[in-house]
Amino acid sequence: MEILLHPKLQQFIQKQLEAGRYHSHDEAINVALILLEKLDREYTEWLEETRQKVAVGIAQLDRGESLDADIVIEGILDRFRQAKETVK
């Protein structure tokens, strides 16, 4: 497999090699791909969790279990004000 990198990425890898962080170009690229795979997996998990939360929220709305946004915001602001006063 041949991989062409943007010159800036080539320079970045070279600096990492010179700093002794990696022993070869292959090692640096392998670490980058492992991190990319981890990021992709975490994003997929976050997306699934978010979809589940949205589905729960929609089901609650369908059952009439909603809150008035103004009341919720005022409650949050009240808690913030109380916390701010305790810090003084």
PDB file of N, CA and C in Angstrom:
ATOM      1  N   MET A   1       0.855  -1.172   0.000  1.00  0.00           N
ATOM      2  CA  MET A   1       0.000   0.000   0.000  1.00  0.00           C
ATOM      3  C   MET A   1       0.899   1.233   0.000  1.00  0.00           C
ATOM      4  N   GLU A   2       0.549   2.163  -0.836  1.00  0.00           N
ATOM      5  CA  GLU A   2       1.299   3.413  -0.891  1.00  0.00           C
ATOM      6  C   GLU A   2       0.409   4.514  -0.337  1.00  0.00           C
ATOM      7  N   ILE A   3       0.977   5.296   0.582  1.00  0.00           N
ATOM      8  CA  ILE A   3       0.217   6.390   1.190  1.00  0.00           C
ATOM      9  C   ILE A   3       0.959   7.694   0.918  1.00  0.00           C
ATOM     10  N   LEU A   4       0.251   8.650   0.358  1.00  0.00           N
ATOM     11  CA  LEU A   4       0.837   9.965   0.121  1.00  0.00           C
ATOM     12  C   LEU A   4       0.327  10.923   1.183  1.00  0.00           C
ATOM     13  N   LEU A   5       1.247  11.593   1.844  1.00  0.00           N
ATOM     14  CA  LEU A   5       0.884  12.531   2.898  1.00  0.00           C
ATOM     15  C   LEU A   5       1.132  13.956   2.444  1.00  0.00           C
ATOM     16  N   HIS A   6       0.308  14.849   2.941  1.00  0.00           N
ATOM     17  CA  HIS A   6       0.499  16.269   2.716  1.00  0.00           C
ATOM     18  C   HIS A   6       1.862  16.661   3.293  1.00  0.00           C
ATOM     19  N   PRO A   7       2.582  17.576   2.654  1.00  0.00           N
ATOM     20  CA  PRO A   7       3.903  17.966   3.153  1.00  0.00           C
ATOM     21  C   PRO A   7       3.917  18.386   4.624  1.00  0.00           C
ATOM     22  N   LYS A   8       2.859  19.054   5.077  1.00  0.00           N
ATOM     23  CA  LYS A   8       2.816  19.460   6.488  1.00  0.00           C
ATOM     24  C   LYS A   8       2.783  18.240   7.409  1.00  0.00           C
ATOM     25  N   LEU A   9       2.049  17.203   6.997  1.00  0.00           N
ATOM     26  CA  LEU A   9       2.003  15.980   7.797  1.00  0.00           C
ATOM     27  C   LEU A   9       3.344  15.259   7.754  1.00  0.00           C
ATOM     28  N   GLN A  10       4.000  15.287   6.623  1.00  0.00           N
ATOM     29  CA  GLN A  10       5.334  14.695   6.520  1.00  0.00           C
ATOM     30  C   GLN A  10       6.301  15.400   7.482  1.00  0.00           C
ATOM     31  N   GLN A  11       6.226  16.720   7.511  1.00  0.00           N
ATOM     32  CA  GLN A  11       7.082  17.496   8.420  1.00  0.00           C
ATOM     33  C   GLN A  11       6.765  17.173   9.874  1.00  0.00           C
ATOM     34  N   PHE A  12       5.480  17.048  10.183  1.00  0.00           N
ATOM     35  CA  PHE A  12       5.082  16.730  11.545  1.00  0.00           C
ATOM     36  C   PHE A  12       5.656  15.381  11.975  1.00  0.00           C
ATOM     37  N   ILE A  13       5.518  14.391  11.112  1.00  0.00           N
ATOM     38  CA  ILE A  13       6.051  13.067  11.437  1.00  0.00           C
ATOM     39  C   ILE A  13       7.563  13.133  11.600  1.00  0.00           C
ATOM     40  N   GLN A  14       8.222  13.861  10.721  1.00  0.00           N
ATOM     41  CA  GLN A  14       9.676  13.979  10.817  1.00  0.00           C
ATOM     42  C   GLN A  14      10.086  14.607  12.148  1.00  0.00           C
ATOM     43  N   LYS A  15       9.375  15.620  12.582  1.00  0.00           N
ATOM     44  CA  LYS A  15       9.671  16.249  13.882  1.00  0.00           C
ATOM     45  C   LYS A  15       9.469  15.260  15.025  1.00  0.00           C
ATOM     46  N   GLN A  16       8.425  14.429  14.919  1.00  0.00           N
ATOM     47  CA  GLN A  16       8.181  13.421  15.952  1.00  0.00           C
ATOM     48  C   GLN A  16       9.322  12.410  16.002  1.00  0.00           C
ATOM     49  N   LEU A  17       9.825  12.029  14.836  1.00  0.00           N
ATOM     50  CA  LEU A  17      10.954  11.100  14.771  1.00  0.00           C
ATOM     51  C   LEU A  17      12.206  11.730  15.373  1.00  0.00           C
ATOM     52  N   GLU A  18      12.457  12.980  15.021  1.00  0.00           N
ATOM     53  CA  GLU A  18      13.638  13.682  15.527  1.00  0.00           C
ATOM     54  C   GLU A  18      13.569  13.869  17.036  1.00  0.00           C
ATOM     55  N   ALA A  19      12.371  14.026  17.565  1.00  0.00           N
ATOM     56  CA  ALA A  19      12.196  14.187  19.011  1.00  0.00           C
ATOM     57  C   ALA A  19      12.297  12.842  19.735  1.00  0.00           C
ATOM     58  N   GLY A  20      12.350  11.746  18.975  1.00  0.00           N
ATOM     59  CA  GLY A  20      12.480  10.432  19.577  1.00  0.00           C
ATOM     60  C   GLY A  20      11.160   9.831  20.046  1.00  0.00           C
ATOM     61  N   ARG A  21      10.068  10.419  19.620  1.00  0.00           N
ATOM     62  CA  ARG A  21       8.768   9.895  20.053  1.00  0.00           C
ATOM     63  C   ARG A  21       8.426   8.585  19.345  1.00  0.00           C
ATOM     64  N   TYR A  22       8.919   8.439  18.128  1.00  0.00           N
ATOM     65  CA  TYR A  22       8.673   7.228  17.353  1.00  0.00           C
ATOM     66  C   TYR A  22       9.984   6.805  16.707  1.00  0.00           C
ATOM     67  N   HIS A  23      10.086   5.517  16.382  1.00  0.00           N
ATOM     68  CA  HIS A  23      11.317   4.988  15.808  1.00  0.00           C
ATOM     69  C   HIS A  23      11.294   4.939  14.284  1.00  0.00           C
ATOM     70  N   SER A  24      10.078   5.025  13.714  1.00  0.00           N
ATOM     71  CA  SER A  24       9.967   4.966  12.256  1.00  0.00           C
ATOM     72  C   SER A  24       8.692   5.675  11.808  1.00  0.00           C
ATOM     73  N   HIS A  25       8.668   5.954  10.510  1.00  0.00           N
ATOM     74  CA  HIS A  25       7.463   6.555   9.932  1.00  0.00           C
ATOM     75  C   HIS A  25       6.268   5.619  10.110  1.00  0.00           C
ATOM     76  N   ASP A  26       6.520   4.326   9.894  1.00  0.00           N
ATOM     77  CA  ASP A  26       5.439   3.341  10.032  1.00  0.00           C
ATOM     78  C   ASP A  26       4.854   3.349  11.439  1.00  0.00           C
ATOM     79  N   GLU A  27       5.723   3.437  12.447  1.00  0.00           N
ATOM     80  CA  GLU A  27       5.230   3.444  13.826  1.00  0.00           C
ATOM     81  C   GLU A  27       4.347   4.666  14.078  1.00  0.00           C
ATOM     82  N   ALA A  28       4.770   5.831  13.610  1.00  0.00           N
ATOM     83  CA  ALA A  28       3.990   7.057  13.805  1.00  0.00           C
ATOM     84  C   ALA A  28       2.631   6.959  13.111  1.00  0.00           C
ATOM     85  N   ILE A  29       2.631   6.432  11.898  1.00  0.00           N
ATOM     86  CA  ILE A  29       1.378   6.311  11.154  1.00  0.00           C
ATOM     87  C   ILE A  29       0.474   5.262  11.797  1.00  0.00           C
ATOM     88  N   ASN A  30       1.051   4.170  12.282  1.00  0.00           N
ATOM     89  CA  ASN A  30       0.251   3.149  12.966  1.00  0.00           C
ATOM     90  C   ASN A  30      -0.421   3.720  14.203  1.00  0.00           C
ATOM     91  N   VAL A  31       0.310   4.507  14.987  1.00  0.00           N
ATOM     92  CA  VAL A  31      -0.275   5.129  16.177  1.00  0.00           C
ATOM     93  C   VAL A  31      -1.407   6.069  15.761  1.00  0.00           C
ATOM     94  N   ALA A  32      -1.201   6.834  14.706  1.00  0.00           N
ATOM     95  CA  ALA A  32      -2.239   7.752  14.227  1.00  0.00           C
ATOM     96  C   ALA A  32      -3.498   6.994  13.814  1.00  0.00           C
ATOM     97  N   LEU A  33      -3.314   5.872  13.145  1.00  0.00           N
ATOM     98  CA  LEU A  33      -4.474   5.094  12.697  1.00  0.00           C
ATOM     99  C   LEU A  33      -5.184   4.423  13.865  1.00  0.00           C
ATOM    100  N   ILE A  34      -4.428   3.990  14.862  1.00  0.00           N
ATOM    101  CA  ILE A  34      -5.047   3.423  16.061  1.00  0.00           C
ATOM    102  C   ILE A  34      -5.901   4.480  16.755  1.00  0.00           C
ATOM    103  N   LEU A  35      -5.373   5.710  16.851  1.00  0.00           N
ATOM    104  CA  LEU A  35      -6.130   6.800  17.472  1.00  0.00           C
ATOM    105  C   LEU A  35      -7.358   7.163  16.644  1.00  0.00           C
ATOM    106  N   LEU A  36      -7.224   7.129  15.323  1.00  0.00           N
ATOM    107  CA  LEU A  36      -8.370   7.406  14.450  1.00  0.00           C
ATOM    108  C   LEU A  36      -9.457   6.349  14.635  1.00  0.00           C
ATOM    109  N   GLU A  37      -9.037   5.095  14.740  1.00  0.00           N
ATOM    110  CA  GLU A  37      -9.997   4.013  14.971  1.00  0.00           C
ATOM    111  C   GLU A  37     -10.711   4.204  16.311  1.00  0.00           C
ATOM    112  N   LYS A  38      -9.956   4.581  17.348  1.00  0.00           N
ATOM    113  CA  LYS A  38     -10.540   4.829  18.680  1.00  0.00           C
ATOM    114  C   LYS A  38     -11.533   5.985  18.615  1.00  0.00           C
ATOM    115  N   LEU A  39     -11.159   7.059  17.947  1.00  0.00           N
ATOM    116  CA  LEU A  39     -12.037   8.218  17.800  1.00  0.00           C
ATOM    117  C   LEU A  39     -13.315   7.831  17.069  1.00  0.00           C
ATOM    118  N   ASP A  40     -13.186   7.046  16.022  1.00  0.00           N
ATOM    119  CA  ASP A  40     -14.353   6.609  15.260  1.00  0.00           C
ATOM    120  C   ASP A  40     -15.263   5.743  16.115  1.00  0.00           C
ATOM    121  N   ARG A  41     -14.683   4.827  16.888  1.00  0.00           N
ATOM    122  CA  ARG A  41     -15.470   3.949  17.758  1.00  0.00           C
ATOM    123  C   ARG A  41     -16.196   4.770  18.821  1.00  0.00           C
ATOM    124  N   GLU A  42     -15.496   5.737  19.439  1.00  0.00           N
ATOM    125  CA  GLU A  42     -16.125   6.582  20.463  1.00  0.00           C
ATOM    126  C   GLU A  42     -17.244   7.430  19.868  1.00  0.00           C
ATOM    127  N   TYR A  43     -17.038   7.936  18.652  1.00  0.00           N
ATOM    128  CA  TYR A  43     -18.079   8.720  17.999  1.00  0.00           C
ATOM    129  C   TYR A  43     -19.314   7.851  17.724  1.00  0.00           C
ATOM    130  N   THR A  44     -19.081   6.635  17.245  1.00  0.00           N
ATOM    131  CA  THR A  44     -20.185   5.716  16.959  1.00  0.00           C
ATOM    132  C   THR A  44     -20.967   5.414  18.236  1.00  0.00           C
ATOM    133  N   GLU A  45     -20.249   5.187  19.346  1.00  0.00           N
ATOM    134  CA  GLU A  45     -20.910   4.932  20.628  1.00  0.00           C
ATOM    135  C   GLU A  45     -21.704   6.153  21.075  1.00  0.00           C
ATOM    136  N   TRP A  46     -21.106   7.351  20.956  1.00  0.00           N
ATOM    137  CA  TRP A  46     -21.791   8.585  21.349  1.00  0.00           C
ATOM    138  C   TRP A  46     -23.051   8.768  20.506  1.00  0.00           C
ATOM    139  N   LEU A  47     -22.933   8.515  19.218  1.00  0.00           N
ATOM    140  CA  LEU A  47     -24.074   8.682  18.314  1.00  0.00           C
ATOM    141  C   LEU A  47     -25.211   7.739  18.699  1.00  0.00           C
ATOM    142  N   GLU A  48     -24.888   6.493  19.010  1.00  0.00           N
ATOM    143  CA  GLU A  48     -25.921   5.529  19.401  1.00  0.00           C
ATOM    144  C   GLU A  48     -26.577   5.940  20.717  1.00  0.00           C
ATOM    145  N   GLU A  49     -25.759   6.364  21.694  1.00  0.00           N
ATOM    146  CA  GLU A  49     -26.320   6.819  22.976  1.00  0.00           C
ATOM    147  C   GLU A  49     -27.231   8.023  22.766  1.00  0.00           C
ATOM    148  N   THR A  50     -26.816   8.937  21.917  1.00  0.00           N
ATOM    149  CA  THR A  50     -27.612  10.141  21.647  1.00  0.00           C
ATOM    150  C   THR A  50     -28.925   9.771  20.966  1.00  0.00           C
ATOM    151  N   ARG A  51     -28.867   8.857  20.031  1.00  0.00           N
ATOM    152  CA  ARG A  51     -30.105   8.414  19.359  1.00  0.00           C
ATOM    153  C   ARG A  51     -31.066   7.784  20.361  1.00  0.00           C
ATOM    154  N   GLN A  52     -30.528   6.988  21.288  1.00  0.00           N
ATOM    155  CA  GLN A  52     -31.376   6.365  22.306  1.00  0.00           C
ATOM    156  C   GLN A  52     -32.006   7.426  23.202  1.00  0.00           C
ATOM    157  N   LYS A  53     -31.228   8.436  23.590  1.00  0.00           N
ATOM    158  CA  LYS A  53     -31.757   9.501  24.441  1.00  0.00           C
ATOM    159  C   LYS A  53     -32.836  10.291  23.722  1.00  0.00           C
ATOM    160  N   VAL A  54     -32.623  10.546  22.449  1.00  0.00           N
ATOM    161  CA  VAL A  54     -33.627  11.268  21.663  1.00  0.00           C
ATOM    162  C   VAL A  54     -34.903  10.435  21.565  1.00  0.00           C
ATOM    163  N   ALA A  55     -34.758   9.127  21.349  1.00  0.00           N
ATOM    164  CA  ALA A  55     -35.932   8.255  21.268  1.00  0.00           C
ATOM    165  C   ALA A  55     -36.701   8.268  22.585  1.00  0.00           C
ATOM    166  N   VAL A  56     -35.989   8.240  23.709  1.00  0.00           N
ATOM    167  CA  VAL A  56     -36.645   8.302  25.018  1.00  0.00           C
ATOM    168  C   VAL A  56     -37.377   9.636  25.160  1.00  0.00           C
ATOM    169  N   GLY A  57     -36.719  10.721  24.768  1.00  0.00           N
ATOM    170  CA  GLY A  57     -37.342  12.045  24.855  1.00  0.00           C
ATOM    171  C   GLY A  57     -38.592  12.160  23.997  1.00  0.00           C
ATOM    172  N   ILE A  58     -38.520  11.621  22.797  1.00  0.00           N
ATOM    173  CA  ILE A  58     -39.687  11.657  21.910  1.00  0.00           C
ATOM    174  C   ILE A  58     -40.834  10.840  22.508  1.00  0.00           C
ATOM    175  N   ALA A  59     -40.509   9.684  23.073  1.00  0.00           N
ATOM    176  CA  ALA A  59     -41.543   8.852  23.700  1.00  0.00           C
ATOM    177  C   ALA A  59     -42.178   9.592  24.877  1.00  0.00           C
ATOM    178  N   GLN A  60     -41.354  10.290  25.664  1.00  0.00           N
ATOM    179  CA  GLN A  60     -41.896  11.063  26.789  1.00  0.00           C
ATOM    180  C   GLN A  60     -42.807  12.175  26.291  1.00  0.00           C
ATOM    181  N   LEU A  61     -42.404  12.852  25.233  1.00  0.00           N
ATOM    182  CA  LEU A  61     -43.257  13.904  24.668  1.00  0.00           C
ATOM    183  C   LEU A  61     -44.574  13.327  24.156  1.00  0.00           C
ATOM    184  N   ASP A  62     -44.489  12.170  23.515  1.00  0.00           N
ATOM    185  CA  ASP A  62     -45.706  11.527  23.005  1.00  0.00           C
ATOM    186  C   ASP A  62     -46.673  11.178  24.134  1.00  0.00           C
ATOM    187  N   ARG A  63     -46.125  10.896  25.327  1.00  0.00           N
ATOM    188  CA  ARG A  63     -46.972  10.567  26.479  1.00  0.00           C
ATOM    189  C   ARG A  63     -47.381  11.828  27.248  1.00  0.00           C
ATOM    190  N   GLY A  64     -46.970  12.988  26.757  1.00  0.00           N
ATOM    191  CA  GLY A  64     -47.329  14.238  27.419  1.00  0.00           C
ATOM    192  C   GLY A  64     -46.445  14.564  28.607  1.00  0.00           C
ATOM    193  N   GLU A  65     -45.302  13.931  28.707  1.00  0.00           N
ATOM    194  CA  GLU A  65     -44.389  14.151  29.831  1.00  0.00           C
ATOM    195  C   GLU A  65     -43.352  15.216  29.460  1.00  0.00           C
ATOM    196  N   SER A  66     -43.801  16.431  29.294  1.00  0.00           N
ATOM    197  CA  SER A  66     -42.870  17.496  28.934  1.00  0.00           C
ATOM    198  C   SER A  66     -42.842  18.560  30.020  1.00  0.00           C
ATOM    199  N   LEU A  67     -41.795  19.370  29.970  1.00  0.00           N
ATOM    200  CA  LEU A  67     -41.648  20.466  30.922  1.00  0.00           C
ATOM    201  C   LEU A  67     -41.652  21.785  30.166  1.00  0.00           C
ATOM    202  N   ASP A  68     -42.133  22.813  30.807  1.00  0.00           N
ATOM    203  CA  ASP A  68     -42.112  24.140  30.224  1.00  0.00           C
ATOM    204  C   ASP A  68     -40.677  24.660  30.253  1.00  0.00           C
ATOM    205  N   ALA A  69     -40.151  25.036  29.098  1.00  0.00           N
ATOM    206  CA  ALA A  69     -38.752  25.469  28.990  1.00  0.00           C
ATOM    207  C   ALA A  69     -38.450  26.660  29.887  1.00  0.00           C
ATOM    208  N   ASP A  70     -39.366  27.618  29.974  1.00  0.00           N
ATOM    209  CA  ASP A  70     -39.126  28.802  30.798  1.00  0.00           C
ATOM    210  C   ASP A  70     -38.974  28.419  32.273  1.00  0.00           C
ATOM    211  N   ILE A  71     -39.766  27.483  32.737  1.00  0.00           N
ATOM    212  CA  ILE A  71     -39.684  27.039  34.134  1.00  0.00           C
ATOM    213  C   ILE A  71     -38.359  26.326  34.380  1.00  0.00           C
ATOM    214  N   VAL A  72     -37.944  25.468  33.440  1.00  0.00           N
ATOM    215  CA  VAL A  72     -36.676  24.739  33.574  1.00  0.00           C
ATOM    216  C   VAL A  72     -35.508  25.724  33.607  1.00  0.00           C
ATOM    217  N   ILE A  73     -35.506  26.674  32.698  1.00  0.00           N
ATOM    218  CA  ILE A  73     -34.415  27.657  32.643  1.00  0.00           C
ATOM    219  C   ILE A  73     -34.381  28.486  33.915  1.00  0.00           C
ATOM    220  N   GLU A  74     -35.517  28.899  34.393  1.00  0.00           N
ATOM    221  CA  GLU A  74     -35.563  29.686  35.633  1.00  0.00           C
ATOM    222  C   GLU A  74     -35.027  28.867  36.810  1.00  0.00           C
ATOM    223  N   GLY A  75     -35.361  27.584  36.856  1.00  0.00           N
ATOM    224  CA  GLY A  75     -34.843  26.713  37.909  1.00  0.00           C
ATOM    225  C   GLY A  75     -33.327  26.597  37.854  1.00  0.00           C
ATOM    226  N   ILE A  76     -32.790  26.468  36.655  1.00  0.00           N
ATOM    227  CA  ILE A  76     -31.332  26.390  36.490  1.00  0.00           C
ATOM    228  C   ILE A  76     -30.682  27.695  36.929  1.00  0.00           C
ATOM    229  N   LEU A  77     -31.273  28.812  36.528  1.00  0.00           N
ATOM    230  CA  LEU A  77     -30.732  30.114  36.918  1.00  0.00           C
ATOM    231  C   LEU A  77     -30.795  30.314  38.436  1.00  0.00           C
ATOM    232  N   ASP A  78     -31.869  29.861  39.064  1.00  0.00           N
ATOM    233  CA  ASP A  78     -31.976  29.950  40.523  1.00  0.00           C
ATOM    234  C   ASP A  78     -30.852  29.172  41.198  1.00  0.00           C
ATOM    235  N   ARG A  79     -30.614  27.954  40.713  1.00  0.00           N
ATOM    236  CA  ARG A  79     -29.527  27.147  41.296  1.00  0.00           C
ATOM    237  C   ARG A  79     -28.175  27.811  41.088  1.00  0.00           C
ATOM    238  N   PHE A  80     -27.983  28.408  39.927  1.00  0.00           N
ATOM    239  CA  PHE A  80     -26.738  29.114  39.644  1.00  0.00           C
ATOM    240  C   PHE A  80     -26.565  30.302  40.592  1.00  0.00           C
ATOM    241  N   ARG A  81     -27.634  31.053  40.794  1.00  0.00           N
ATOM    242  CA  ARG A  81     -27.576  32.204  41.697  1.00  0.00           C
ATOM    243  C   ARG A  81     -27.266  31.763  43.127  1.00  0.00           C
ATOM    244  N   GLN A  82     -27.893  30.686  43.562  1.00  0.00           N
ATOM    245  CA  GLN A  82     -27.646  30.169  44.915  1.00  0.00           C
ATOM    246  C   GLN A  82     -26.203  29.712  45.065  1.00  0.00           C
ATOM    247  N   ALA A  83     -25.698  29.035  44.076  1.00  0.00           N
ATOM    248  CA  ALA A  83     -24.310  28.541  44.123  1.00  0.00           C
ATOM    249  C   ALA A  83     -23.351  29.733  44.147  1.00  0.00           C
ATOM    250  N   LYS A  84     -23.669  30.757  43.378  1.00  0.00           N
ATOM    251  CA  LYS A  84     -22.826  31.955  43.310  1.00  0.00           C
ATOM    252  C   LYS A  84     -22.795  32.656  44.665  1.00  0.00           C
ATOM    253  N   GLU A  85     -23.953  32.703  45.330  1.00  0.00           N
ATOM    254  CA  GLU A  85     -24.026  33.352  46.658  1.00  0.00           C
ATOM    255  C   GLU A  85     -23.238  32.578  47.702  1.00  0.00           C
ATOM    256  N   THR A  86     -23.211  31.267  47.587  1.00  0.00           N
ATOM    257  CA  THR A  86     -22.472  30.464  48.579  1.00  0.00           C
ATOM    258  C   THR A  86     -20.969  30.649  48.405  1.00  0.00           C
ATOM    259  N   VAL A  87     -20.535  30.977  47.223  1.00  0.00           N
ATOM    260  CA  VAL A  87     -19.101  31.167  46.969  1.00  0.00           C
ATOM    261  C   VAL A  87     -18.614  32.484  47.551  1.00  0.00           C
ATOM    262  N   LYS A  88     -19.480  33.471  47.654  1.00  0.00           N
ATOM    263  CA  LYS A  88     -19.077  34.798  48.163  1.00  0.00           C
ATOM    264  C   LYS A  88     -18.636  34.766  49.568  1.00  0.00           C
TER     265      LYS A  88
END
